[in-house]
Amino acid sequence: MVIMHIHIRVKPEFIEEFRAATIENARNSVKEPGIARFDFLQHAEEPDRFVLIEVYRTPDAPALHRETPHYKSWRDRAEPMMAEPRTRIRLDNVFPDDTGW
């Protein structure tokens, strides 16, 4: 499993538009065979901050995801809405084991 936490800060005037674009991307992403989870979260106290939690089944699945039309559409729509470049943390699964996903 490959787990990514992507942290995004959005310009305040784009929060709702960003939410809509990202929900659309997430709905399509969970249909990909290489994705076990795709969670979209908004910070409760700082509504311009978001986290994507992406859980991939194989090491090559993140690259395959970035080649999908829905990801490319999201990237092109969402990047201008960001207040700063997004950051990504790659994590290795510990518990539950990979079969628990």
N, C-alpha and C. Protein backbone atom coordinates (compact mmCIF):
# COMPACT_ATOMS: atom_id res chain seq x y z
N MET A 1 0.83 -1.18 0.00
CA MET A 1 0.00 0.00 0.00
C MET A 1 0.89 1.25 0.00
N VAL A 2 0.44 2.22 -0.74
CA VAL A 2 1.09 3.53 -0.76
C VAL A 2 0.05 4.53 -0.28
N ILE A 3 0.38 5.27 0.75
CA ILE A 3 -0.57 6.21 1.34
C ILE A 3 0.01 7.61 1.20
N MET A 4 -0.81 8.52 0.69
CA MET A 4 -0.40 9.90 0.51
C MET A 4 -1.33 10.81 1.30
N HIS A 5 -0.75 11.76 2.00
CA HIS A 5 -1.50 12.86 2.61
C HIS A 5 -1.10 14.12 1.86
N ILE A 6 -2.06 14.73 1.19
CA ILE A 6 -1.81 15.93 0.43
C ILE A 6 -2.47 17.10 1.15
N HIS A 7 -1.68 18.09 1.50
CA HIS A 7 -2.17 19.26 2.24
C HIS A 7 -2.30 20.43 1.26
N ILE A 8 -3.48 21.05 1.28
CA ILE A 8 -3.79 22.11 0.32
C ILE A 8 -4.38 23.30 1.05
N ARG A 9 -3.89 24.48 0.71
CA ARG A 9 -4.48 25.73 1.22
C ARG A 9 -5.05 26.47 0.02
N VAL A 10 -6.31 26.85 0.11
CA VAL A 10 -7.04 27.45 -0.99
C VAL A 10 -7.28 28.93 -0.72
N LYS A 11 -7.25 29.73 -1.76
CA LYS A 11 -7.61 31.14 -1.62
C LYS A 11 -9.06 31.20 -1.14
N PRO A 12 -9.34 32.01 -0.12
CA PRO A 12 -10.68 32.02 0.49
C PRO A 12 -11.83 32.19 -0.50
N GLU A 13 -11.65 32.96 -1.54
CA GLU A 13 -12.73 33.18 -2.49
C GLU A 13 -13.04 31.96 -3.36
N PHE A 14 -12.20 30.93 -3.29
CA PHE A 14 -12.39 29.74 -4.10
C PHE A 14 -12.78 28.50 -3.30
N ILE A 15 -13.06 28.64 -2.02
CA ILE A 15 -13.32 27.46 -1.19
C ILE A 15 -14.44 26.59 -1.76
N GLU A 16 -15.58 27.16 -2.07
CA GLU A 16 -16.70 26.35 -2.55
C GLU A 16 -16.43 25.75 -3.92
N GLU A 17 -15.80 26.51 -4.79
CA GLU A 17 -15.46 26.00 -6.12
C GLU A 17 -14.43 24.87 -6.02
N PHE A 18 -13.46 25.03 -5.11
CA PHE A 18 -12.46 23.98 -4.89
C PHE A 18 -13.12 22.72 -4.35
N ARG A 19 -14.02 22.89 -3.39
CA ARG A 19 -14.74 21.73 -2.84
C ARG A 19 -15.47 20.97 -3.95
N ALA A 20 -16.18 21.67 -4.80
CA ALA A 20 -16.94 21.02 -5.87
C ALA A 20 -16.02 20.28 -6.84
N ALA A 21 -14.93 20.91 -7.23
CA ALA A 21 -13.98 20.27 -8.16
C ALA A 21 -13.34 19.04 -7.54
N THR A 22 -13.02 19.13 -6.26
CA THR A 22 -12.33 18.02 -5.60
C THR A 22 -13.29 16.86 -5.31
N ILE A 23 -14.52 17.16 -4.99
CA ILE A 23 -15.51 16.09 -4.81
C ILE A 23 -15.71 15.34 -6.12
N GLU A 24 -15.78 16.07 -7.21
CA GLU A 24 -15.91 15.42 -8.53
C GLU A 24 -14.72 14.50 -8.80
N ASN A 25 -13.52 14.98 -8.52
CA ASN A 25 -12.32 14.16 -8.70
C ASN A 25 -12.36 12.93 -7.79
N ALA A 26 -12.74 13.13 -6.54
CA ALA A 26 -12.77 12.01 -5.58
C ALA A 26 -13.78 10.95 -6.01
N ARG A 27 -14.95 11.37 -6.48
CA ARG A 27 -15.97 10.41 -6.92
C ARG A 27 -15.46 9.53 -8.05
N ASN A 28 -14.68 10.10 -8.94
CA ASN A 28 -14.12 9.32 -10.04
C ASN A 28 -12.91 8.51 -9.59
N SER A 29 -12.12 9.06 -8.68
CA SER A 29 -10.91 8.38 -8.23
C SER A 29 -11.21 7.07 -7.51
N VAL A 30 -12.27 7.04 -6.69
CA VAL A 30 -12.58 5.82 -5.95
C VAL A 30 -12.99 4.67 -6.88
N LYS A 31 -13.28 4.97 -8.13
CA LYS A 31 -13.63 3.93 -9.11
C LYS A 31 -12.39 3.27 -9.72
N GLU A 32 -11.23 3.87 -9.52
CA GLU A 32 -10.00 3.31 -10.08
C GLU A 32 -9.63 2.02 -9.34
N PRO A 33 -9.25 0.97 -10.07
CA PRO A 33 -8.91 -0.29 -9.40
C PRO A 33 -7.70 -0.19 -8.47
N GLY A 34 -6.81 0.76 -8.72
CA GLY A 34 -5.61 0.89 -7.90
C GLY A 34 -5.79 1.70 -6.64
N ILE A 35 -7.00 2.24 -6.41
CA ILE A 35 -7.24 3.08 -5.24
C ILE A 35 -8.12 2.35 -4.24
N ALA A 36 -7.60 2.23 -3.01
CA ALA A 36 -8.36 1.59 -1.93
C ALA A 36 -9.22 2.60 -1.18
N ARG A 37 -8.72 3.83 -1.03
CA ARG A 37 -9.47 4.92 -0.37
C ARG A 37 -9.06 6.23 -0.99
N PHE A 38 -9.99 7.16 -0.95
CA PHE A 38 -9.70 8.52 -1.43
C PHE A 38 -10.57 9.45 -0.59
N ASP A 39 -10.01 10.00 0.47
CA ASP A 39 -10.75 10.83 1.42
C ASP A 39 -10.42 12.29 1.20
N PHE A 40 -11.44 13.13 1.30
CA PHE A 40 -11.31 14.58 1.14
C PHE A 40 -11.80 15.24 2.41
N LEU A 41 -10.93 15.97 3.10
CA LEU A 41 -11.23 16.55 4.40
C LEU A 41 -10.97 18.05 4.40
N GLN A 42 -11.78 18.76 5.18
CA GLN A 42 -11.62 20.20 5.33
C GLN A 42 -11.36 20.50 6.80
N HIS A 43 -10.39 21.36 7.05
CA HIS A 43 -10.03 21.75 8.41
C HIS A 43 -11.21 22.44 9.09
N ALA A 44 -11.55 22.02 10.29
CA ALA A 44 -12.72 22.55 10.99
C ALA A 44 -12.54 24.01 11.42
N GLU A 45 -11.33 24.41 11.76
CA GLU A 45 -11.10 25.76 12.26
C GLU A 45 -10.48 26.70 11.23
N GLU A 46 -9.93 26.15 10.18
CA GLU A 46 -9.34 26.95 9.10
C GLU A 46 -9.91 26.43 7.78
N PRO A 47 -11.09 26.91 7.39
CA PRO A 47 -11.80 26.32 6.25
C PRO A 47 -11.10 26.45 4.90
N ASP A 48 -10.01 27.19 4.83
CA ASP A 48 -9.25 27.28 3.58
C ASP A 48 -8.19 26.18 3.48
N ARG A 49 -8.15 25.31 4.47
CA ARG A 49 -7.16 24.21 4.47
C ARG A 49 -7.87 22.86 4.29
N PHE A 50 -7.28 22.04 3.43
CA PHE A 50 -7.85 20.74 3.08
C PHE A 50 -6.76 19.68 3.12
N VAL A 51 -7.20 18.43 3.27
CA VAL A 51 -6.30 17.28 3.21
C VAL A 51 -6.95 16.22 2.33
N LEU A 52 -6.17 15.67 1.43
CA LEU A 52 -6.57 14.49 0.68
C LEU A 52 -5.80 13.31 1.26
N ILE A 53 -6.49 12.24 1.58
CA ILE A 53 -5.84 11.01 2.03
C ILE A 53 -6.11 9.98 0.94
N GLU A 54 -5.05 9.60 0.27
CA GLU A 54 -5.14 8.69 -0.86
C GLU A 54 -4.41 7.40 -0.52
N VAL A 55 -5.10 6.28 -0.65
CA VAL A 55 -4.51 4.98 -0.35
C VAL A 55 -4.50 4.17 -1.64
N TYR A 56 -3.31 3.85 -2.09
CA TYR A 56 -3.12 3.12 -3.35
C TYR A 56 -2.72 1.68 -3.07
N ARG A 57 -3.21 0.78 -3.90
CA ARG A 57 -2.96 -0.64 -3.72
C ARG A 57 -1.57 -1.08 -4.17
N THR A 58 -0.98 -0.38 -5.13
CA THR A 58 0.32 -0.77 -5.68
C THR A 58 1.21 0.45 -5.84
N PRO A 59 2.52 0.25 -5.91
CA PRO A 59 3.43 1.38 -6.07
C PRO A 59 3.21 2.17 -7.37
N ASP A 60 2.71 1.53 -8.41
CA ASP A 60 2.51 2.25 -9.67
C ASP A 60 1.15 2.95 -9.76
N ALA A 61 0.24 2.69 -8.84
CA ALA A 61 -1.11 3.26 -8.89
C ALA A 61 -1.12 4.79 -8.80
N PRO A 62 -0.25 5.45 -7.99
CA PRO A 62 -0.28 6.92 -7.97
C PRO A 62 0.02 7.53 -9.35
N ALA A 63 1.00 6.98 -10.05
CA ALA A 63 1.33 7.49 -11.39
C ALA A 63 0.19 7.25 -12.36
N LEU A 64 -0.46 6.10 -12.26
CA LEU A 64 -1.61 5.81 -13.12
C LEU A 64 -2.75 6.78 -12.83
N HIS A 65 -2.96 7.09 -11.57
CA HIS A 65 -4.00 8.05 -11.18
C HIS A 65 -3.74 9.41 -11.81
N ARG A 66 -2.48 9.85 -11.79
CA ARG A 66 -2.15 11.16 -12.33
C ARG A 66 -2.31 11.24 -13.85
N GLU A 67 -2.51 10.12 -14.51
CA GLU A 67 -2.73 10.10 -15.95
C GLU A 67 -4.21 10.05 -16.33
N THR A 68 -5.10 9.97 -15.36
CA THR A 68 -6.53 9.87 -15.67
C THR A 68 -7.08 11.24 -16.09
N PRO A 69 -8.10 11.23 -16.94
CA PRO A 69 -8.71 12.50 -17.34
C PRO A 69 -9.30 13.28 -16.16
N HIS A 70 -9.90 12.57 -15.19
CA HIS A 70 -10.49 13.31 -14.07
C HIS A 70 -9.44 13.97 -13.20
N TYR A 71 -8.27 13.34 -13.02
CA TYR A 71 -7.21 13.99 -12.25
C TYR A 71 -6.68 15.21 -13.00
N LYS A 72 -6.42 15.05 -14.30
CA LYS A 72 -5.88 16.17 -15.07
C LYS A 72 -6.84 17.35 -15.08
N SER A 73 -8.13 17.06 -15.19
CA SER A 73 -9.13 18.12 -15.14
C SER A 73 -9.11 18.81 -13.78
N TRP A 74 -9.07 18.01 -12.71
CA TRP A 74 -9.01 18.58 -11.35
C TRP A 74 -7.77 19.45 -11.20
N ARG A 75 -6.62 18.93 -11.59
CA ARG A 75 -5.36 19.67 -11.45
C ARG A 75 -5.44 21.03 -12.15
N ASP A 76 -5.95 21.01 -13.38
CA ASP A 76 -6.02 22.25 -14.15
C ASP A 76 -7.01 23.25 -13.53
N ARG A 77 -8.09 22.76 -12.96
CA ARG A 77 -9.07 23.62 -12.31
C ARG A 77 -8.59 24.09 -10.94
N ALA A 78 -8.01 23.18 -10.16
CA ALA A 78 -7.72 23.46 -8.75
C ALA A 78 -6.44 24.25 -8.52
N GLU A 79 -5.42 24.03 -9.31
CA GLU A 79 -4.14 24.69 -9.02
C GLU A 79 -4.25 26.21 -8.97
N PRO A 80 -5.00 26.88 -9.87
CA PRO A 80 -5.12 28.33 -9.75
C PRO A 80 -5.86 28.79 -8.49
N MET A 81 -6.60 27.90 -7.86
CA MET A 81 -7.34 28.24 -6.64
C MET A 81 -6.48 28.14 -5.39
N MET A 82 -5.32 27.53 -5.51
CA MET A 82 -4.47 27.28 -4.34
C MET A 82 -3.71 28.53 -3.93
N ALA A 83 -3.66 28.76 -2.64
CA ALA A 83 -2.95 29.92 -2.09
C ALA A 83 -1.44 29.69 -2.05
N GLU A 84 -1.04 28.45 -2.11
CA GLU A 84 0.38 28.07 -2.08
C GLU A 84 0.48 26.68 -2.68
N PRO A 85 1.68 26.25 -3.07
CA PRO A 85 1.80 24.89 -3.63
C PRO A 85 1.39 23.84 -2.61
N ARG A 86 0.70 22.83 -3.08
CA ARG A 86 0.29 21.74 -2.18
C ARG A 86 1.52 20.95 -1.77
N THR A 87 1.43 20.32 -0.60
CA THR A 87 2.52 19.48 -0.12
C THR A 87 2.02 18.04 0.00
N ARG A 88 2.93 17.11 -0.12
CA ARG A 88 2.56 15.71 -0.10
C ARG A 88 3.51 14.96 0.82
N ILE A 89 2.92 14.07 1.61
CA ILE A 89 3.69 13.19 2.49
C ILE A 89 3.35 11.77 2.09
N ARG A 90 4.37 10.96 1.83
CA ARG A 90 4.16 9.55 1.52
C ARG A 90 4.36 8.75 2.79
N LEU A 91 3.41 7.85 3.05
CA LEU A 91 3.44 7.04 4.26
C LEU A 91 3.41 5.56 3.89
N ASP A 92 4.02 4.75 4.72
CA ASP A 92 3.93 3.30 4.58
C ASP A 92 2.92 2.77 5.57
N ASN A 93 2.14 1.82 5.13
CA ASN A 93 1.11 1.22 5.97
C ASN A 93 1.72 0.37 7.08
N VAL A 94 1.18 0.50 8.29
CA VAL A 94 1.60 -0.32 9.43
C VAL A 94 0.43 -1.18 9.91
N PHE A 95 -0.68 -0.55 10.21
CA PHE A 95 -1.85 -1.27 10.72
C PHE A 95 -3.11 -0.55 10.26
N PRO A 96 -4.13 -1.25 9.82
CA PRO A 96 -4.18 -2.70 9.64
C PRO A 96 -3.30 -3.12 8.47
N ASP A 97 -3.01 -4.41 8.39
CA ASP A 97 -2.17 -4.85 7.27
C ASP A 97 -2.92 -4.59 5.97
N ASP A 98 -2.24 -4.78 4.87
CA ASP A 98 -2.81 -4.40 3.57
C ASP A 98 -4.15 -5.07 3.27
N THR A 99 -4.38 -6.24 3.82
CA THR A 99 -5.66 -6.91 3.56
C THR A 99 -6.81 -6.22 4.29
N GLY A 100 -6.49 -5.37 5.28
CA GLY A 100 -7.51 -4.66 6.03
C GLY A 100 -8.06 -3.44 5.31
N TRP A 101 -7.51 -3.11 4.17
CA TRP A 101 -7.98 -1.98 3.38
C TRP A 101 -9.00 -2.48 2.38
